[in-house]
Amino acid sequence: MSQRRAELIQRFRRTGLGSIAAALLEGFSPLAPLGAQGLFLLQPLFGGGETWQAVAQALEDPQQLDDLAADLRGGAQHGQH
């Protein structure tokens, strides 16, 4: 896992939104590739950043999407990552 992705996951967990973000990722997974393209397009507005690029790349790959959701939940559902 990249450092930027780990920071993003920790940020969501600290705010108590990790499970909610994971549920949204899983619920909207059919739209994930579209979301990834949107993030790539809007990345300059977010200040560029490797964090958003890592998220966009995760949205493009179903396995990475599952791993990201599991990491946001704390690894409880799919095992520790």
PDB file of N, CA and C in Angstrom:
ATOM      1  N   MET A   1       0.848  -1.176   0.000  1.00  0.00           N
ATOM      2  CA  MET A   1       0.000   0.000   0.000  1.00  0.00           C
ATOM      3  C   MET A   1       0.890   1.235   0.000  1.00  0.00           C
ATOM      4  N   SER A   2       0.522   2.201  -0.811  1.00  0.00           N
ATOM      5  CA  SER A   2       1.319   3.421  -0.880  1.00  0.00           C
ATOM      6  C   SER A   2       1.137   4.255   0.381  1.00  0.00           C
ATOM      7  N   GLN A   3       2.108   5.085   0.643  1.00  0.00           N
ATOM      8  CA  GLN A   3       2.062   5.965   1.821  1.00  0.00           C
ATOM      9  C   GLN A   3       0.866   6.909   1.746  1.00  0.00           C
ATOM     10  N   ARG A   4       0.601   7.452   0.571  1.00  0.00           N
ATOM     11  CA  ARG A   4      -0.513   8.393   0.403  1.00  0.00           C
ATOM     12  C   ARG A   4      -1.853   7.706   0.668  1.00  0.00           C
ATOM     13  N   ARG A   5      -1.991   6.486   0.142  1.00  0.00           N
ATOM     14  CA  ARG A   5      -3.231   5.740   0.353  1.00  0.00           C
ATOM     15  C   ARG A   5      -3.408   5.418   1.840  1.00  0.00           C
ATOM     16  N   ALA A   6      -2.323   5.045   2.503  1.00  0.00           N
ATOM     17  CA  ALA A   6      -2.379   4.753   3.937  1.00  0.00           C
ATOM     18  C   ALA A   6      -2.795   5.994   4.725  1.00  0.00           C
ATOM     19  N   GLU A   7      -2.288   7.162   4.328  1.00  0.00           N
ATOM     20  CA  GLU A   7      -2.672   8.409   4.991  1.00  0.00           C
ATOM     21  C   GLU A   7      -4.155   8.702   4.806  1.00  0.00           C
ATOM     22  N   LEU A   8      -4.654   8.480   3.604  1.00  0.00           N
ATOM     23  CA  LEU A   8      -6.068   8.715   3.329  1.00  0.00           C
ATOM     24  C   LEU A   8      -6.935   7.778   4.167  1.00  0.00           C
ATOM     25  N   ILE A   9      -6.549   6.525   4.238  1.00  0.00           N
ATOM     26  CA  ILE A   9      -7.302   5.547   5.027  1.00  0.00           C
ATOM     27  C   ILE A   9      -7.309   5.946   6.499  1.00  0.00           C
ATOM     28  N   GLN A  10      -6.153   6.344   7.012  1.00  0.00           N
ATOM     29  CA  GLN A  10      -6.073   6.766   8.406  1.00  0.00           C
ATOM     30  C   GLN A  10      -6.937   8.003   8.666  1.00  0.00           C
ATOM     31  N   ARG A  11      -6.971   8.911   7.713  1.00  0.00           N
ATOM     32  CA  ARG A  11      -7.789  10.119   7.850  1.00  0.00           C
ATOM     33  C   ARG A  11      -9.274   9.749   7.968  1.00  0.00           C
ATOM     34  N   PHE A  12      -9.730   8.830   7.109  1.00  0.00           N
ATOM     35  CA  PHE A  12     -11.124   8.395   7.178  1.00  0.00           C
ATOM     36  C   PHE A  12     -11.410   7.669   8.487  1.00  0.00           C
ATOM     37  N   ARG A  13     -10.497   6.826   8.920  1.00  0.00           N
ATOM     38  CA  ARG A  13     -10.697   6.096  10.177  1.00  0.00           C
ATOM     39  C   ARG A  13     -10.749   7.037  11.371  1.00  0.00           C
ATOM     40  N   ARG A  14      -9.840   8.018  11.411  1.00  0.00           N
ATOM     41  CA  ARG A  14      -9.808   8.971  12.531  1.00  0.00           C
ATOM     42  C   ARG A  14     -11.115   9.740  12.656  1.00  0.00           C
ATOM     43  N   THR A  15     -11.715  10.072  11.534  1.00  0.00           N
ATOM     44  CA  THR A  15     -12.963  10.829  11.561  1.00  0.00           C
ATOM     45  C   THR A  15     -14.180   9.929  11.764  1.00  0.00           C
ATOM     46  N   GLY A  16     -13.955   8.627  11.813  1.00  0.00           N
ATOM     47  CA  GLY A  16     -15.052   7.688  12.005  1.00  0.00           C
ATOM     48  C   GLY A  16     -15.846   7.411  10.745  1.00  0.00           C
ATOM     49  N   LEU A  17     -15.300   7.792   9.598  1.00  0.00           N
ATOM     50  CA  LEU A  17     -16.010   7.618   8.331  1.00  0.00           C
ATOM     51  C   LEU A  17     -15.502   6.438   7.502  1.00  0.00           C
ATOM     52  N   GLY A  18     -14.606   5.634   8.060  1.00  0.00           N
ATOM     53  CA  GLY A  18     -14.035   4.518   7.313  1.00  0.00           C
ATOM     54  C   GLY A  18     -15.083   3.529   6.839  1.00  0.00           C
ATOM     55  N   SER A  19     -15.980   3.116   7.726  1.00  0.00           N
ATOM     56  CA  SER A  19     -17.021   2.140   7.367  1.00  0.00           C
ATOM     57  C   SER A  19     -18.012   2.725   6.368  1.00  0.00           C
ATOM     58  N   ILE A  20     -18.327   4.001   6.538  1.00  0.00           N
ATOM     59  CA  ILE A  20     -19.256   4.653   5.603  1.00  0.00           C
ATOM     60  C   ILE A  20     -18.631   4.753   4.219  1.00  0.00           C
ATOM     61  N   ALA A  21     -17.360   5.153   4.169  1.00  0.00           N
ATOM     62  CA  ALA A  21     -16.664   5.255   2.879  1.00  0.00           C
ATOM     63  C   ALA A  21     -16.564   3.881   2.227  1.00  0.00           C
ATOM     64  N   ALA A  22     -16.296   2.841   3.024  1.00  0.00           N
ATOM     65  CA  ALA A  22     -16.211   1.480   2.486  1.00  0.00           C
ATOM     66  C   ALA A  22     -17.555   1.042   1.921  1.00  0.00           C
ATOM     67  N   ALA A  23     -18.641   1.335   2.635  1.00  0.00           N
ATOM     68  CA  ALA A  23     -19.973   0.966   2.159  1.00  0.00           C
ATOM     69  C   ALA A  23     -20.312   1.687   0.856  1.00  0.00           C
ATOM     70  N   LEU A  24     -19.933   2.954   0.770  1.00  0.00           N
ATOM     71  CA  LEU A  24     -20.176   3.700  -0.468  1.00  0.00           C
ATOM     72  C   LEU A  24     -19.370   3.132  -1.626  1.00  0.00           C
ATOM     73  N   LEU A  25     -18.110   2.775  -1.361  1.00  0.00           N
ATOM     74  CA  LEU A  25     -17.286   2.175  -2.413  1.00  0.00           C
ATOM     75  C   LEU A  25     -17.902   0.876  -2.912  1.00  0.00           C
ATOM     76  N   GLU A  26     -18.355   0.058  -1.981  1.00  0.00           N
ATOM     77  CA  GLU A  26     -18.952  -1.220  -2.362  1.00  0.00           C
ATOM     78  C   GLU A  26     -20.295  -1.025  -3.055  1.00  0.00           C
ATOM     79  N   GLY A  27     -21.096  -0.109  -2.556  1.00  0.00           N
ATOM     80  CA  GLY A  27     -22.413   0.119  -3.137  1.00  0.00           C
ATOM     81  C   GLY A  27     -22.381   0.720  -4.533  1.00  0.00           C
ATOM     82  N   PHE A  28     -21.409   1.566  -4.744  1.00  0.00           N
ATOM     83  CA  PHE A  28     -21.302   2.229  -6.048  1.00  0.00           C
ATOM     84  C   PHE A  28     -20.206   1.622  -6.921  1.00  0.00           C
ATOM     85  N   SER A  29     -19.789   0.404  -6.608  1.00  0.00           N
ATOM     86  CA  SER A  29     -18.694  -0.220  -7.363  1.00  0.00           C
ATOM     87  C   SER A  29     -18.956  -0.322  -8.866  1.00  0.00           C
ATOM     88  N   PRO A  30     -20.211  -0.502  -9.313  1.00  0.00           N
ATOM     89  CA  PRO A  30     -20.414  -0.508 -10.776  1.00  0.00           C
ATOM     90  C   PRO A  30     -20.058   0.826 -11.439  1.00  0.00           C
ATOM     91  N   LEU A  31     -20.108   1.905 -10.665  1.00  0.00           N
ATOM     92  CA  LEU A  31     -19.791   3.228 -11.203  1.00  0.00           C
ATOM     93  C   LEU A  31     -18.349   3.645 -10.934  1.00  0.00           C
ATOM     94  N   ALA A  32     -17.576   2.760 -10.312  1.00  0.00           N
ATOM     95  CA  ALA A  32     -16.209   3.102  -9.913  1.00  0.00           C
ATOM     96  C   ALA A  32     -15.328   3.552 -11.077  1.00  0.00           C
ATOM     97  N   PRO A  33     -15.362   2.867 -12.242  1.00  0.00           N
ATOM     98  CA  PRO A  33     -14.510   3.352 -13.347  1.00  0.00           C
ATOM     99  C   PRO A  33     -14.857   4.782 -13.787  1.00  0.00           C
ATOM    100  N   LEU A  34     -16.135   5.116 -13.739  1.00  0.00           N
ATOM    101  CA  LEU A  34     -16.550   6.481 -14.081  1.00  0.00           C
ATOM    102  C   LEU A  34     -16.040   7.466 -13.034  1.00  0.00           C
ATOM    103  N   GLY A  35     -16.113   7.063 -11.773  1.00  0.00           N
ATOM    104  CA  GLY A  35     -15.589   7.896 -10.695  1.00  0.00           C
ATOM    105  C   GLY A  35     -14.091   8.108 -10.818  1.00  0.00           C
ATOM    106  N   ALA A  36     -13.384   7.056 -11.243  1.00  0.00           N
ATOM    107  CA  ALA A  36     -11.931   7.163 -11.429  1.00  0.00           C
ATOM    108  C   ALA A  36     -11.610   8.200 -12.499  1.00  0.00           C
ATOM    109  N   GLN A  37     -12.344   8.157 -13.592  1.00  0.00           N
ATOM    110  CA  GLN A  37     -12.102   9.122 -14.666  1.00  0.00           C
ATOM    111  C   GLN A  37     -12.409  10.539 -14.192  1.00  0.00           C
ATOM    112  N   GLY A  38     -13.451  10.675 -13.379  1.00  0.00           N
ATOM    113  CA  GLY A  38     -13.775  11.984 -12.820  1.00  0.00           C
ATOM    114  C   GLY A  38     -12.662  12.503 -11.924  1.00  0.00           C
ATOM    115  N   LEU A  39     -12.094  11.613 -11.102  1.00  0.00           N
ATOM    116  CA  LEU A  39     -10.985  12.030 -10.238  1.00  0.00           C
ATOM    117  C   LEU A  39      -9.765  12.438 -11.051  1.00  0.00           C
ATOM    118  N   PHE A  40      -9.469  11.671 -12.109  1.00  0.00           N
ATOM    119  CA  PHE A  40      -8.337  12.035 -12.963  1.00  0.00           C
ATOM    120  C   PHE A  40      -8.569  13.411 -13.586  1.00  0.00           C
ATOM    121  N   LEU A  41      -9.800  13.664 -13.997  1.00  0.00           N
ATOM    122  CA  LEU A  41     -10.132  14.936 -14.635  1.00  0.00           C
ATOM    123  C   LEU A  41     -10.075  16.094 -13.636  1.00  0.00           C
ATOM    124  N   LEU A  42     -10.562  15.868 -12.413  1.00  0.00           N
ATOM    125  CA  LEU A  42     -10.640  16.925 -11.406  1.00  0.00           C
ATOM    126  C   LEU A  42      -9.408  17.017 -10.516  1.00  0.00           C
ATOM    127  N   GLN A  43      -8.454  16.140 -10.737  1.00  0.00           N
ATOM    128  CA  GLN A  43      -7.258  16.098  -9.894  1.00  0.00           C
ATOM    129  C   GLN A  43      -6.577  17.463  -9.735  1.00  0.00           C
ATOM    130  N   PRO A  44      -6.464  18.271 -10.773  1.00  0.00           N
ATOM    131  CA  PRO A  44      -5.841  19.591 -10.586  1.00  0.00           C
ATOM    132  C   PRO A  44      -6.594  20.478  -9.592  1.00  0.00           C
ATOM    133  N   LEU A  45      -7.912  20.313  -9.499  1.00  0.00           N
ATOM    134  CA  LEU A  45      -8.693  21.096  -8.545  1.00  0.00           C
ATOM    135  C   LEU A  45      -8.455  20.650  -7.105  1.00  0.00           C
ATOM    136  N   PHE A  46      -8.087  19.368  -6.934  1.00  0.00           N
ATOM    137  CA  PHE A  46      -7.782  18.836  -5.607  1.00  0.00           C
ATOM    138  C   PHE A  46      -6.339  19.106  -5.230  1.00  0.00           C
ATOM    139  N   GLY A  47      -5.640  19.839  -6.041  1.00  0.00           N
ATOM    140  CA  GLY A  47      -4.237  20.136  -5.773  1.00  0.00           C
ATOM    141  C   GLY A  47      -3.309  19.076  -6.326  1.00  0.00           C
ATOM    142  N   GLY A  48      -3.758  18.365  -7.369  1.00  0.00           N
ATOM    143  CA  GLY A  48      -2.923  17.301  -7.919  1.00  0.00           C
ATOM    144  C   GLY A  48      -2.840  16.183  -6.914  1.00  0.00           C
ATOM    145  N   GLY A  49      -1.672  15.928  -6.442  1.00  0.00           N
ATOM    146  CA  GLY A  49      -1.508  14.997  -5.332  1.00  0.00           C
ATOM    147  C   GLY A  49      -1.557  13.541  -5.695  1.00  0.00           C
ATOM    148  N   GLU A  50      -0.676  12.825  -5.074  1.00  0.00           N
ATOM    149  CA  GLU A  50      -0.589  11.382  -5.288  1.00  0.00           C
ATOM    150  C   GLU A  50      -1.724  10.646  -4.596  1.00  0.00           C
ATOM    151  N   THR A  51      -2.291  11.241  -3.548  1.00  0.00           N
ATOM    152  CA  THR A  51      -3.366  10.576  -2.816  1.00  0.00           C
ATOM    153  C   THR A  51      -4.563  10.336  -3.714  1.00  0.00           C
ATOM    154  N   TRP A  52      -5.006  11.378  -4.401  1.00  0.00           N
ATOM    155  CA  TRP A  52      -6.177  11.239  -5.263  1.00  0.00           C
ATOM    156  C   TRP A  52      -5.880  10.355  -6.462  1.00  0.00           C
ATOM    157  N   GLN A  53      -4.649  10.390  -6.937  1.00  0.00           N
ATOM    158  CA  GLN A  53      -4.277   9.510  -8.040  1.00  0.00           C
ATOM    159  C   GLN A  53      -4.333   8.049  -7.589  1.00  0.00           C
ATOM    160  N   ALA A  54      -3.886   7.770  -6.373  1.00  0.00           N
ATOM    161  CA  ALA A  54      -3.943   6.405  -5.842  1.00  0.00           C
ATOM    162  C   ALA A  54      -5.392   5.938  -5.697  1.00  0.00           C
ATOM    163  N   VAL A  55      -6.263   6.830  -5.252  1.00  0.00           N
ATOM    164  CA  VAL A  55      -7.678   6.485  -5.122  1.00  0.00           C
ATOM    165  C   VAL A  55      -8.275   6.213  -6.500  1.00  0.00           C
ATOM    166  N   ALA A  56      -7.976   7.068  -7.469  1.00  0.00           N
ATOM    167  CA  ALA A  56      -8.499   6.884  -8.826  1.00  0.00           C
ATOM    168  C   ALA A  56      -8.022   5.563  -9.418  1.00  0.00           C
ATOM    169  N   GLN A  57      -6.771   5.225  -9.205  1.00  0.00           N
ATOM    170  CA  GLN A  57      -6.253   3.955  -9.706  1.00  0.00           C
ATOM    171  C   GLN A  57      -6.937   2.784  -9.021  1.00  0.00           C
ATOM    172  N   ALA A  58      -7.212   2.914  -7.738  1.00  0.00           N
ATOM    173  CA  ALA A  58      -7.910   1.846  -7.010  1.00  0.00           C
ATOM    174  C   ALA A  58      -9.327   1.671  -7.546  1.00  0.00           C
ATOM    175  N   LEU A  59      -9.968   2.765  -7.936  1.00  0.00           N
ATOM    176  CA  LEU A  59     -11.324   2.677  -8.462  1.00  0.00           C
ATOM    177  C   LEU A  59     -11.375   1.962  -9.807  1.00  0.00           C
ATOM    178  N   GLU A  60     -10.283   2.012 -10.546  1.00  0.00           N
ATOM    179  CA  GLU A  60     -10.251   1.366 -11.860  1.00  0.00           C
ATOM    180  C   GLU A  60     -10.072  -0.148 -11.787  1.00  0.00           C
ATOM    181  N   ASP A  61      -9.549  -0.644 -10.687  1.00  0.00           N
ATOM    182  CA  ASP A  61      -9.239  -2.063 -10.543  1.00  0.00           C
ATOM    183  C   ASP A  61     -10.148  -2.688  -9.488  1.00  0.00           C
ATOM    184  N   PRO A  62     -11.008  -3.648  -9.861  1.00  0.00           N
ATOM    185  CA  PRO A  62     -11.940  -4.234  -8.893  1.00  0.00           C
ATOM    186  C   PRO A  62     -11.255  -4.832  -7.655  1.00  0.00           C
ATOM    187  N   GLN A  63     -10.104  -5.461  -7.823  1.00  0.00           N
ATOM    188  CA  GLN A  63      -9.413  -6.035  -6.668  1.00  0.00           C
ATOM    189  C   GLN A  63      -8.893  -4.939  -5.741  1.00  0.00           C
ATOM    190  N   GLN A  64      -8.340  -3.886  -6.320  1.00  0.00           N
ATOM    191  CA  GLN A  64      -7.874  -2.763  -5.501  1.00  0.00           C
ATOM    192  C   GLN A  64      -9.046  -2.071  -4.805  1.00  0.00           C
ATOM    193  N   LEU A  65     -10.185  -2.010  -5.474  1.00  0.00           N
ATOM    194  CA  LEU A  65     -11.374  -1.420  -4.878  1.00  0.00           C
ATOM    195  C   LEU A  65     -11.809  -2.228  -3.655  1.00  0.00           C
ATOM    196  N   ASP A  66     -11.828  -3.553  -3.792  1.00  0.00           N
ATOM    197  CA  ASP A  66     -12.162  -4.415  -2.651  1.00  0.00           C
ATOM    198  C   ASP A  66     -11.155  -4.254  -1.524  1.00  0.00           C
ATOM    199  N   ASP A  67      -9.877  -4.178  -1.877  1.00  0.00           N
ATOM    200  CA  ASP A  67      -8.829  -4.009  -0.864  1.00  0.00           C
ATOM    201  C   ASP A  67      -8.966  -2.667  -0.146  1.00  0.00           C
ATOM    202  N   LEU A  68      -9.263  -1.617  -0.898  1.00  0.00           N
ATOM    203  CA  LEU A  68      -9.433  -0.294  -0.300  1.00  0.00           C
ATOM    204  C   LEU A  68     -10.615  -0.286   0.662  1.00  0.00           C
ATOM    205  N   ALA A  69     -11.729  -0.890   0.248  1.00  0.00           N
ATOM    206  CA  ALA A  69     -12.899  -0.967   1.126  1.00  0.00           C
ATOM    207  C   ALA A  69     -12.567  -1.751   2.397  1.00  0.00           C
ATOM    208  N   ALA A  70     -11.844  -2.858   2.253  1.00  0.00           N
ATOM    209  CA  ALA A  70     -11.453  -3.658   3.420  1.00  0.00           C
ATOM    210  C   ALA A  70     -10.526  -2.858   4.333  1.00  0.00           C
ATOM    211  N   ASP A  71      -9.598  -2.122   3.744  1.00  0.00           N
ATOM    212  CA  ASP A  71      -8.683  -1.300   4.545  1.00  0.00           C
ATOM    213  C   ASP A  71      -9.443  -0.204   5.291  1.00  0.00           C
ATOM    214  N   LEU A  72     -10.431   0.385   4.643  1.00  0.00           N
ATOM    215  CA  LEU A  72     -11.228   1.429   5.291  1.00  0.00           C
ATOM    216  C   LEU A  72     -12.037   0.866   6.458  1.00  0.00           C
ATOM    217  N   ARG A  73     -12.457  -0.373   6.323  1.00  0.00           N
ATOM    218  CA  ARG A  73     -13.200  -1.026   7.406  1.00  0.00           C
ATOM    219  C   ARG A  73     -12.278  -1.497   8.512  1.00  0.00           C
ATOM    220  N   GLY A  74     -10.991  -1.435   8.275  1.00  0.00           N
ATOM    221  CA  GLY A  74     -10.038  -1.898   9.281  1.00  0.00           C
ATOM    222  C   GLY A  74      -9.616  -3.337   9.048  1.00  0.00           C
ATOM    223  N   GLY A  75      -9.883  -3.856   7.864  1.00  0.00           N
ATOM    224  CA  GLY A  75      -9.468  -5.216   7.544  1.00  0.00           C
ATOM    225  C   GLY A  75     -10.370  -6.284   8.118  1.00  0.00           C
ATOM    226  N   ALA A  76     -11.443  -5.896   8.793  1.00  0.00           N
ATOM    227  CA  ALA A  76     -12.284  -6.860   9.486  1.00  0.00           C
ATOM    228  C   ALA A  76     -13.043  -7.771   8.540  1.00  0.00           C
ATOM    229  N   GLN A  77     -13.441  -7.271   7.391  1.00  0.00           N
ATOM    230  CA  GLN A  77     -14.280  -8.072   6.515  1.00  0.00           C
ATOM    231  C   GLN A  77     -13.483  -9.006   5.625  1.00  0.00           C
ATOM    232  N   HIS A  78     -12.362  -8.557   5.088  1.00  0.00           N
ATOM    233  CA  HIS A  78     -11.607  -9.354   4.127  1.00  0.00           C
ATOM    234  C   HIS A  78     -10.254  -9.787   4.648  1.00  0.00           C
ATOM    235  N   GLY A  79      -9.971  -9.633   5.913  1.00  0.00           N
ATOM    236  CA  GLY A  79      -8.660  -9.959   6.431  1.00  0.00           C
ATOM    237  C   GLY A  79      -7.763  -8.742   6.409  1.00  0.00           C
ATOM    238  N   GLN A  80      -6.727  -8.756   7.224  1.00  0.00           N
ATOM    239  CA  GLN A  80      -5.833  -7.601   7.310  1.00  0.00           C
ATOM    240  C   GLN A  80      -5.014  -7.436   6.045  1.00  0.00           C
ATOM    241  N   HIS A  81      -4.803  -6.177   5.642  1.00  0.00           N
ATOM    242  CA  HIS A  81      -3.971  -5.843   4.482  1.00  0.00           C
ATOM    243  C   HIS A  81      -2.808  -5.026   4.946  1.00  0.00           C
TER     244      HIS A  81
END
